[in-house]
């Protein structure tokens, strides 16, 4: 999977990255290959942290699928076994 990432806050991070996973190992490296998805670092971070899916972000117009089927594959790959949880409130105040 090749992601074309835009980053307005840290422009040196912008570029194309190939993500590869084999069993328990994963690799990420810059590439010049044609991208499968286009998104910003904000959407990539949101999907990585697990608060939303790439599919939901694409439905909102924030992720562009450049290769048919890539969105579903990437969205599934970024899903974790559990939803993120923050026990906010008086016992765990936000800092």
PDB file of N, CA and C in Angstrom:
ATOM      1  N   UNK A   1       0.840  -1.156   0.000  1.00  0.00           N
ATOM      2  CA  UNK A   1       0.000   0.000   0.000  1.00  0.00           C
ATOM      3  C   UNK A   1       0.896   1.234   0.000  1.00  0.00           C
ATOM      4  N   UNK A   2       0.623   2.167  -0.914  1.00  0.00           N
ATOM      5  CA  UNK A   2       1.384   3.411  -0.978  1.00  0.00           C
ATOM      6  C   UNK A   2       0.461   4.567  -0.625  1.00  0.00           C
ATOM      7  N   UNK A   3       0.864   5.343   0.379  1.00  0.00           N
ATOM      8  CA  UNK A   3       0.099   6.501   0.824  1.00  0.00           C
ATOM      9  C   UNK A   3       0.794   7.771   0.360  1.00  0.00           C
ATOM     10  N   UNK A   4       0.026   8.676  -0.236  1.00  0.00           N
ATOM     11  CA  UNK A   4       0.531   9.998  -0.590  1.00  0.00           C
ATOM     12  C   UNK A   4       0.070  10.934   0.520  1.00  0.00           C
ATOM     13  N   UNK A   5       0.999  11.329   1.384  1.00  0.00           N
ATOM     14  CA  UNK A   5       0.680  12.085   2.595  1.00  0.00           C
ATOM     15  C   UNK A   5       1.048  13.553   2.421  1.00  0.00           C
ATOM     16  N   UNK A   6       0.103  14.429   2.723  1.00  0.00           N
ATOM     17  CA  UNK A   6       0.344  15.871   2.748  1.00  0.00           C
ATOM     18  C   UNK A   6       0.449  16.291   4.209  1.00  0.00           C
ATOM     19  N   UNK A   7       1.405  17.166   4.516  1.00  0.00           N
ATOM     20  CA  UNK A   7       1.575  17.627   5.894  1.00  0.00           C
ATOM     21  C   UNK A   7       1.903  19.117   5.879  1.00  0.00           C
ATOM     22  N   UNK A   8       0.904  19.940   6.137  1.00  0.00           N
ATOM     23  CA  UNK A   8       1.086  21.385   6.147  1.00  0.00           C
ATOM     24  C   UNK A   8       1.842  21.886   7.367  1.00  0.00           C
ATOM     25  N   UNK A   9       1.807  21.144   8.468  1.00  0.00           N
ATOM     26  CA  UNK A   9       2.467  21.557   9.703  1.00  0.00           C
ATOM     27  C   UNK A   9       3.955  21.224   9.678  1.00  0.00           C
ATOM     28  N   UNK A  10       4.279  20.048   9.187  1.00  0.00           N
ATOM     29  CA  UNK A  10       5.674  19.599   9.066  1.00  0.00           C
ATOM     30  C   UNK A  10       5.898  19.163   7.615  1.00  0.00           C
ATOM     31  N   UNK A  11       6.094  20.123   6.698  1.00  0.00           N
ATOM     32  CA  UNK A  11       6.154  19.790   5.275  1.00  0.00           C
ATOM     33  C   UNK A  11       7.249  18.805   4.894  1.00  0.00           C
ATOM     34  N   UNK A  12       8.272  18.661   5.695  1.00  0.00           N
ATOM     35  CA  UNK A  12       9.336  17.704   5.403  1.00  0.00           C
ATOM     36  C   UNK A  12       8.848  16.267   5.531  1.00  0.00           C
ATOM     37  N   UNK A  13       7.695  16.063   6.171  1.00  0.00           N
ATOM     38  CA  UNK A  13       7.122  14.720   6.282  1.00  0.00           C
ATOM     39  C   UNK A  13       6.255  14.349   5.086  1.00  0.00           C
ATOM     40  N   UNK A  14       5.906  15.318   4.257  1.00  0.00           N
ATOM     41  CA  UNK A  14       5.038  15.051   3.111  1.00  0.00           C
ATOM     42  C   UNK A  14       5.763  14.152   2.116  1.00  0.00           C
ATOM     43  N   UNK A  15       4.991  13.327   1.434  1.00  0.00           N
ATOM     44  CA  UNK A  15       5.570  12.457   0.409  1.00  0.00           C
ATOM     45  C   UNK A  15       4.808  11.157   0.312  1.00  0.00           C
ATOM     46  N   UNK A  16       5.377  10.262  -0.452  1.00  0.00           N
ATOM     47  CA  UNK A  16       4.761   8.941  -0.648  1.00  0.00           C
ATOM     48  C   UNK A  16       5.494   7.920   0.215  1.00  0.00           C
ATOM     49  N   UNK A  17       4.703   7.092   0.868  1.00  0.00           N
ATOM     50  CA  UNK A  17       5.248   6.073   1.767  1.00  0.00           C
ATOM     51  C   UNK A  17       4.632   4.719   1.441  1.00  0.00           C
ATOM     52  N   UNK A  18       5.470   3.713   1.346  1.00  0.00           N
ATOM     53  CA  UNK A  18       4.990   2.340   1.140  1.00  0.00           C
ATOM     54  C   UNK A  18       4.902   1.667   2.501  1.00  0.00           C
ATOM     55  N   UNK A  19       3.721   1.160   2.815  1.00  0.00           N
ATOM     56  CA  UNK A  19       3.509   0.391   4.038  1.00  0.00           C
ATOM     57  C   UNK A  19       3.418  -1.075   3.662  1.00  0.00           C
ATOM     58  N   UNK A  20       4.185  -1.903   4.347  1.00  0.00           N
ATOM     59  CA  UNK A  20       4.175  -3.337   4.115  1.00  0.00           C
ATOM     60  C   UNK A  20       4.074  -4.044   5.457  1.00  0.00           C
ATOM     61  N   UNK A  21       3.279  -5.095   5.505  1.00  0.00           N
ATOM     62  CA  UNK A  21       3.146  -5.889   6.725  1.00  0.00           C
ATOM     63  C   UNK A  21       3.197  -7.364   6.355  1.00  0.00           C
ATOM     64  N   UNK A  22       3.978  -8.116   7.104  1.00  0.00           N
ATOM     65  CA  UNK A  22       4.086  -9.564   6.955  1.00  0.00           C
ATOM     66  C   UNK A  22       4.015 -10.173   8.339  1.00  0.00           C
ATOM     67  N   UNK A  23       2.897 -10.795   8.657  1.00  0.00           N
ATOM     68  CA  UNK A  23       2.750 -11.386   9.978  1.00  0.00           C
ATOM     69  C   UNK A  23       2.835 -10.328  11.057  1.00  0.00           C
ATOM     70  N   UNK A  24       3.826 -10.427  11.938  1.00  0.00           N
ATOM     71  CA  UNK A  24       3.975  -9.475  13.029  1.00  0.00           C
ATOM     72  C   UNK A  24       4.927  -8.330  12.727  1.00  0.00           C
ATOM     73  N   UNK A  25       5.488  -8.303  11.525  1.00  0.00           N
ATOM     74  CA  UNK A  25       6.445  -7.248  11.173  1.00  0.00           C
ATOM     75  C   UNK A  25       5.815  -6.267  10.197  1.00  0.00           C
ATOM     76  N   UNK A  26       6.138  -5.000  10.377  1.00  0.00           N
ATOM     77  CA  UNK A  26       5.654  -3.963   9.465  1.00  0.00           C
ATOM     78  C   UNK A  26       6.808  -3.046   9.098  1.00  0.00           C
ATOM     79  N   UNK A  27       6.776  -2.520   7.873  1.00  0.00           N
ATOM     80  CA  UNK A  27       7.797  -1.611   7.392  1.00  0.00           C
ATOM     81  C   UNK A  27       7.138  -0.422   6.713  1.00  0.00           C
ATOM     82  N   UNK A  28       7.801   0.718   6.815  1.00  0.00           N
ATOM     83  CA  UNK A  28       7.338   1.938   6.163  1.00  0.00           C
ATOM     84  C   UNK A  28       8.569   2.629   5.587  1.00  0.00           C
ATOM     85  N   UNK A  29       8.512   2.955   4.295  1.00  0.00           N
ATOM     86  CA  UNK A  29       9.649   3.610   3.648  1.00  0.00           C
ATOM     87  C   UNK A  29       9.157   4.549   2.557  1.00  0.00           C
ATOM     88  N   UNK A  30       9.907   5.612   2.347  1.00  0.00           N
ATOM     89  CA  UNK A  30       9.579   6.529   1.248  1.00  0.00           C
ATOM     90  C   UNK A  30       9.686   5.783  -0.072  1.00  0.00           C
ATOM     91  N   UNK A  31       8.873   6.221  -1.047  1.00  0.00           N
ATOM     92  CA  UNK A  31       8.883   5.596  -2.357  1.00  0.00           C
ATOM     93  C   UNK A  31       8.476   6.608  -3.414  1.00  0.00           C
ATOM     94  N   UNK A  32       8.744   6.283  -4.648  1.00  0.00           N
ATOM     95  CA  UNK A  32       8.276   7.106  -5.757  1.00  0.00           C
ATOM     96  C   UNK A  32       7.177   6.376  -6.537  1.00  0.00           C
ATOM     97  N   UNK A  33       6.720   5.248  -6.008  1.00  0.00           N
ATOM     98  CA  UNK A  33       5.670   4.452  -6.659  1.00  0.00           C
ATOM     99  C   UNK A  33       4.348   5.214  -6.685  1.00  0.00           C
ATOM    100  N   UNK A  34       3.487   4.814  -7.587  1.00  0.00           N
ATOM    101  CA  UNK A  34       2.160   5.433  -7.694  1.00  0.00           C
ATOM    102  C   UNK A  34       1.379   5.202  -6.394  1.00  0.00           C
ATOM    103  N   UNK A  35       0.705   6.235  -5.889  1.00  0.00           N
ATOM    104  CA  UNK A  35      -0.016   6.096  -4.615  1.00  0.00           C
ATOM    105  C   UNK A  35      -1.356   5.370  -4.771  1.00  0.00           C
ATOM    106  N   UNK A  36      -1.757   4.703  -3.685  1.00  0.00           N
ATOM    107  CA  UNK A  36      -3.051   4.034  -3.615  1.00  0.00           C
ATOM    108  C   UNK A  36      -4.092   4.918  -2.931  1.00  0.00           C
ATOM    109  N   UNK A  37      -3.644   5.718  -1.962  1.00  0.00           N
ATOM    110  CA  UNK A  37      -4.519   6.639  -1.223  1.00  0.00           C
ATOM    111  C   UNK A  37      -3.821   7.979  -1.083  1.00  0.00           C
ATOM    112  N   UNK A  38      -4.617   9.048  -1.034  1.00  0.00           N
ATOM    113  CA  UNK A  38      -4.087  10.391  -0.765  1.00  0.00           C
ATOM    114  C   UNK A  38      -4.806  10.927   0.474  1.00  0.00           C
ATOM    115  N   UNK A  39      -4.026  11.429   1.442  1.00  0.00           N
ATOM    116  CA  UNK A  39      -4.596  11.938   2.681  1.00  0.00           C
ATOM    117  C   UNK A  39      -3.594  12.866   3.344  1.00  0.00           C
ATOM    118  N   UNK A  40      -4.029  13.551   4.397  1.00  0.00           N
ATOM    119  CA  UNK A  40      -3.113  14.403   5.148  1.00  0.00           C
ATOM    120  C   UNK A  40      -2.636  13.657   6.385  1.00  0.00           C
ATOM    121  N   UNK A  41      -1.642  14.227   7.022  1.00  0.00           N
ATOM    122  CA  UNK A  41      -1.115  13.618   8.246  1.00  0.00           C
ATOM    123  C   UNK A  41      -2.184  13.566   9.344  1.00  0.00           C
ATOM    124  N   UNK A  42      -3.132  14.490   9.327  1.00  0.00           N
ATOM    125  CA  UNK A  42      -4.207  14.486  10.333  1.00  0.00           C
ATOM    126  C   UNK A  42      -5.086  13.247  10.191  1.00  0.00           C
ATOM    127  N   UNK A  43      -5.467  12.914   8.968  1.00  0.00           N
ATOM    128  CA  UNK A  43      -6.291  11.721   8.758  1.00  0.00           C
ATOM    129  C   UNK A  43      -5.505  10.451   9.050  1.00  0.00           C
ATOM    130  N   UNK A  44      -4.240  10.435   8.660  1.00  0.00           N
ATOM    131  CA  UNK A  44      -3.401   9.275   8.942  1.00  0.00           C
ATOM    132  C   UNK A  44      -3.275   9.064  10.450  1.00  0.00           C
ATOM    133  N   UNK A  45      -3.066  10.143  11.187  1.00  0.00           N
ATOM    134  CA  UNK A  45      -2.970  10.045  12.643  1.00  0.00           C
ATOM    135  C   UNK A  45      -4.264   9.579  13.280  1.00  0.00           C
ATOM    136  N   UNK A  46      -5.390  10.087  12.796  1.00  0.00           N
ATOM    137  CA  UNK A  46      -6.686   9.678  13.346  1.00  0.00           C
ATOM    138  C   UNK A  46      -6.930   8.193  13.128  1.00  0.00           C
ATOM    139  N   UNK A  47      -6.602   7.697  11.943  1.00  0.00           N
ATOM    140  CA  UNK A  47      -6.782   6.272  11.664  1.00  0.00           C
ATOM    141  C   UNK A  47      -5.811   5.431  12.490  1.00  0.00           C
ATOM    142  N   UNK A  48      -4.584   5.896  12.626  1.00  0.00           N
ATOM    143  CA  UNK A  48      -3.574   5.161  13.384  1.00  0.00           C
ATOM    144  C   UNK A  48      -3.970   5.051  14.865  1.00  0.00           C
ATOM    145  N   UNK A  49      -4.502   6.137  15.421  1.00  0.00           N
ATOM    146  CA  UNK A  49      -4.893   6.118  16.830  1.00  0.00           C
ATOM    147  C   UNK A  49      -6.188   5.357  17.064  1.00  0.00           C
ATOM    148  N   UNK A  50      -6.960   5.127  16.010  1.00  0.00           N
ATOM    149  CA  UNK A  50      -8.126   4.259  16.126  1.00  0.00           C
ATOM    150  C   UNK A  50      -9.435   4.946  16.434  1.00  0.00           C
ATOM    151  N   UNK A  51      -9.490   6.254  16.410  1.00  0.00           N
ATOM    152  CA  UNK A  51     -10.745   6.951  16.715  1.00  0.00           C
ATOM    153  C   UNK A  51     -11.733   6.952  15.581  1.00  0.00           C
ATOM    154  N   UNK A  52     -11.272   6.643  14.383  1.00  0.00           N
ATOM    155  CA  UNK A  52     -12.121   6.612  13.205  1.00  0.00           C
ATOM    156  C   UNK A  52     -11.498   5.673  12.185  1.00  0.00           C
ATOM    157  N   UNK A  53     -12.203   5.447  11.091  1.00  0.00           N
ATOM    158  CA  UNK A  53     -11.673   4.598  10.030  1.00  0.00           C
ATOM    159  C   UNK A  53     -11.349   5.437   8.805  1.00  0.00           C
ATOM    160  N   UNK A  54     -10.458   4.928   7.976  1.00  0.00           N
ATOM    161  CA  UNK A  54     -10.162   5.610   6.718  1.00  0.00           C
ATOM    162  C   UNK A  54     -11.400   5.652   5.830  1.00  0.00           C
ATOM    163  N   UNK A  55     -12.254   4.639   5.928  1.00  0.00           N
ATOM    164  CA  UNK A  55     -13.494   4.618   5.145  1.00  0.00           C
ATOM    165  C   UNK A  55     -14.400   5.769   5.553  1.00  0.00           C
ATOM    166  N   UNK A  56     -14.535   6.011   6.843  1.00  0.00           N
ATOM    167  CA  UNK A  56     -15.364   7.119   7.329  1.00  0.00           C
ATOM    168  C   UNK A  56     -14.766   8.459   6.908  1.00  0.00           C
ATOM    169  N   UNK A  57     -13.459   8.573   6.960  1.00  0.00           N
ATOM    170  CA  UNK A  57     -12.801   9.813   6.552  1.00  0.00           C
ATOM    171  C   UNK A  57     -12.956  10.045   5.049  1.00  0.00           C
ATOM    172  N   UNK A  58     -12.928   8.982   4.265  1.00  0.00           N
ATOM    173  CA  UNK A  58     -13.147   9.106   2.821  1.00  0.00           C
ATOM    174  C   UNK A  58     -14.580   9.542   2.526  1.00  0.00           C
ATOM    175  N   UNK A  59     -15.540   9.030   3.291  1.00  0.00           N
ATOM    176  CA  UNK A  59     -16.937   9.429   3.108  1.00  0.00           C
ATOM    177  C   UNK A  59     -17.126  10.912   3.394  1.00  0.00           C
ATOM    178  N   UNK A  60     -16.280  11.469   4.245  1.00  0.00           N
ATOM    179  CA  UNK A  60     -16.323  12.899   4.568  1.00  0.00           C
ATOM    180  C   UNK A  60     -15.501  13.727   3.576  1.00  0.00           C
ATOM    181  N   UNK A  61     -14.904  13.061   2.589  1.00  0.00           N
ATOM    182  CA  UNK A  61     -14.125  13.765   1.580  1.00  0.00           C
ATOM    183  C   UNK A  61     -12.702  14.087   2.003  1.00  0.00           C
ATOM    184  N   UNK A  62     -12.197  13.410   3.022  1.00  0.00           N
ATOM    185  CA  UNK A  62     -10.870  13.712   3.559  1.00  0.00           C
ATOM    186  C   UNK A  62      -9.785  12.751   3.103  1.00  0.00           C
ATOM    187  N   UNK A  63     -10.173  11.619   2.538  1.00  0.00           N
ATOM    188  CA  UNK A  63      -9.226  10.633   2.012  1.00  0.00           C
ATOM    189  C   UNK A  63      -9.655  10.320   0.589  1.00  0.00           C
ATOM    190  N   UNK A  64      -8.686  10.294  -0.332  1.00  0.00           N
ATOM    191  CA  UNK A  64      -8.988  10.014  -1.731  1.00  0.00           C
ATOM    192  C   UNK A  64      -8.422   8.645  -2.113  1.00  0.00           C
ATOM    193  N   UNK A  65      -9.285   7.780  -2.609  1.00  0.00           N
ATOM    194  CA  UNK A  65      -8.864   6.460  -3.070  1.00  0.00           C
ATOM    195  C   UNK A  65      -8.401   6.581  -4.520  1.00  0.00           C
ATOM    196  N   UNK A  66      -7.160   6.221  -4.779  1.00  0.00           N
ATOM    197  CA  UNK A  66      -6.583   6.337  -6.110  1.00  0.00           C
ATOM    198  C   UNK A  66      -6.497   5.007  -6.835  1.00  0.00           C
ATOM    199  N   UNK A  67      -6.587   3.906  -6.096  1.00  0.00           N
ATOM    200  CA  UNK A  67      -6.620   2.565  -6.675  1.00  0.00           C
ATOM    201  C   UNK A  67      -7.842   1.856  -6.119  1.00  0.00           C
ATOM    202  N   UNK A  68      -8.746   1.388  -6.970  1.00  0.00           N
ATOM    203  CA  UNK A  68      -9.952   0.719  -6.477  1.00  0.00           C
ATOM    204  C   UNK A  68      -9.619  -0.428  -5.522  1.00  0.00           C
ATOM    205  N   UNK A  69     -10.299  -0.450  -4.392  1.00  0.00           N
ATOM    206  CA  UNK A  69     -10.095  -1.485  -3.383  1.00  0.00           C
ATOM    207  C   UNK A  69      -9.087  -1.117  -2.313  1.00  0.00           C
ATOM    208  N   UNK A  70      -8.269  -0.111  -2.558  1.00  0.00           N
ATOM    209  CA  UNK A  70      -7.222   0.258  -1.597  1.00  0.00           C
ATOM    210  C   UNK A  70      -7.809   0.797  -0.299  1.00  0.00           C
ATOM    211  N   UNK A  71      -8.886   1.541  -0.397  1.00  0.00           N
ATOM    212  CA  UNK A  71      -9.494   2.137   0.797  1.00  0.00           C
ATOM    213  C   UNK A  71      -9.976   1.075   1.768  1.00  0.00           C
ATOM    214  N   UNK A  72     -10.709   0.095   1.280  1.00  0.00           N
ATOM    215  CA  UNK A  72     -11.221  -0.966   2.154  1.00  0.00           C
ATOM    216  C   UNK A  72     -10.077  -1.748   2.787  1.00  0.00           C
ATOM    217  N   UNK A  73      -9.067  -2.045   1.999  1.00  0.00           N
ATOM    218  CA  UNK A  73      -7.912  -2.798   2.506  1.00  0.00           C
ATOM    219  C   UNK A  73      -7.182  -2.010   3.603  1.00  0.00           C
ATOM    220  N   UNK A  74      -6.900  -0.741   3.347  1.00  0.00           N
ATOM    221  CA  UNK A  74      -6.183   0.080   4.327  1.00  0.00           C
ATOM    222  C   UNK A  74      -7.010   0.326   5.571  1.00  0.00           C
ATOM    223  N   UNK A  75      -8.303   0.551   5.395  1.00  0.00           N
ATOM    224  CA  UNK A  75      -9.169   0.807   6.551  1.00  0.00           C
ATOM    225  C   UNK A  75      -9.196  -0.403   7.483  1.00  0.00           C
ATOM    226  N   UNK A  76      -9.258  -1.576   6.907  1.00  0.00           N
ATOM    227  CA  UNK A  76      -9.236  -2.807   7.709  1.00  0.00           C
ATOM    228  C   UNK A  76      -7.876  -2.983   8.384  1.00  0.00           C
ATOM    229  N   UNK A  77      -6.810  -2.690   7.670  1.00  0.00           N
ATOM    230  CA  UNK A  77      -5.464  -2.865   8.221  1.00  0.00           C
ATOM    231  C   UNK A  77      -5.201  -1.957   9.419  1.00  0.00           C
ATOM    232  N   UNK A  78      -5.804  -0.778   9.429  1.00  0.00           N
ATOM    233  CA  UNK A  78      -5.580   0.170  10.520  1.00  0.00           C
ATOM    234  C   UNK A  78      -6.487  -0.070  11.726  1.00  0.00           C
ATOM    235  N   UNK A  79      -7.465  -0.954  11.611  1.00  0.00           N
ATOM    236  CA  UNK A  79      -8.368  -1.204  12.735  1.00  0.00           C
ATOM    237  C   UNK A  79      -7.682  -2.027  13.808  1.00  0.00           C
ATOM    238  N   UNK A  80      -7.903  -1.642  15.049  1.00  0.00           N
ATOM    239  CA  UNK A  80      -7.373  -2.390  16.182  1.00  0.00           C
ATOM    240  C   UNK A  80      -8.441  -3.304  16.754  1.00  0.00           C
ATOM    241  N   UNK A  81      -8.060  -4.104  17.705  1.00  0.00           N
ATOM    242  CA  UNK A  81      -9.000  -5.026  18.338  1.00  0.00           C
ATOM    243  C   UNK A  81      -9.954  -4.298  19.283  1.00  0.00           C
ATOM    244  N   UNK A  82      -9.537  -3.122  19.794  1.00  0.00           N
ATOM    245  CA  UNK A  82     -10.371  -2.361  20.726  1.00  0.00           C
ATOM    246  C   UNK A  82     -10.489  -0.921  20.266  1.00  0.00           C
ATOM    247  N   UNK A  83     -11.582  -0.276  20.644  1.00  0.00           N
ATOM    248  CA  UNK A  83     -11.766   1.147  20.383  1.00  0.00           C
ATOM    249  C   UNK A  83     -10.920   1.938  21.382  1.00  0.00           C
ATOM    250  N   UNK A  84     -10.435   3.122  20.997  1.00  0.00           N
ATOM    251  CA  UNK A  84      -9.682   3.933  21.965  1.00  0.00           C
ATOM    252  C   UNK A  84     -10.607   4.376  23.097  1.00  0.00           C
ATOM    253  N   UNK A  85     -10.040   4.542  24.275  1.00  0.00           N
ATOM    254  CA  UNK A  85     -10.847   4.901  25.436  1.00  0.00           C
ATOM    255  C   UNK A  85     -10.073   5.876  26.308  1.00  0.00           C
ATOM    256  N   UNK A  86     -10.745   6.948  26.713  1.00  0.00           N
ATOM    257  CA  UNK A  86     -10.173   7.889  27.666  1.00  0.00           C
ATOM    258  C   UNK A  86     -11.159   8.039  28.813  1.00  0.00           C
ATOM    259  N   UNK A  87     -10.795   7.606  30.004  1.00  0.00           N
ATOM    260  CA  UNK A  87     -11.730   7.680  31.135  1.00  0.00           C
ATOM    261  C   UNK A  87     -11.759   9.087  31.739  1.00  0.00           C
ATOM    262  N   UNK A  88     -12.260  10.060  30.973  1.00  0.00           N
ATOM    263  CA  UNK A  88     -12.310  11.439  31.452  1.00  0.00           C
ATOM    264  C   UNK A  88     -13.298  11.611  32.594  1.00  0.00           C
ATOM    265  N   UNK A  89     -13.304  12.774  33.188  1.00  0.00           N
ATOM    266  CA  UNK A  89     -14.194  13.046  34.308  1.00  0.00           C
ATOM    267  C   UNK A  89     -13.395  13.462  35.532  1.00  0.00           C
ATOM    268  N   UNK A  90     -14.067  13.548  36.655  1.00  0.00           N
ATOM    269  CA  UNK A  90     -13.421  14.021  37.859  1.00  0.00           C
ATOM    270  C   UNK A  90     -12.280  13.108  38.324  1.00  0.00           C
ATOM    271  N   UNK A  91     -12.393  11.803  38.094  1.00  0.00           N
ATOM    272  CA  UNK A  91     -11.366  10.861  38.549  1.00  0.00           C
ATOM    273  C   UNK A  91     -10.121  10.906  37.652  1.00  0.00           C
ATOM    274  N   UNK A  92     -10.294  11.279  36.394  1.00  0.00           N
ATOM    275  CA  UNK A  92      -9.197  11.348  35.436  1.00  0.00           C
ATOM    276  C   UNK A  92      -9.304  12.667  34.671  1.00  0.00           C
ATOM    277  N   UNK A  93      -8.947  13.768  35.284  1.00  0.00           N
ATOM    278  CA  UNK A  93      -9.124  15.071  34.610  1.00  0.00           C
ATOM    279  C   UNK A  93      -8.203  15.212  33.405  1.00  0.00           C
ATOM    280  N   UNK A  94      -8.665  15.968  32.434  1.00  0.00           N
ATOM    281  CA  UNK A  94      -7.836  16.264  31.263  1.00  0.00           C
ATOM    282  C   UNK A  94      -6.774  17.274  31.667  1.00  0.00           C
ATOM    283  N   UNK A  95      -5.569  17.076  31.241  1.00  0.00           N
ATOM    284  CA  UNK A  95      -4.476  17.977  31.613  1.00  0.00           C
ATOM    285  C   UNK A  95      -4.146  18.884  30.477  1.00  0.00           C
TER     286      UNK A  95
END
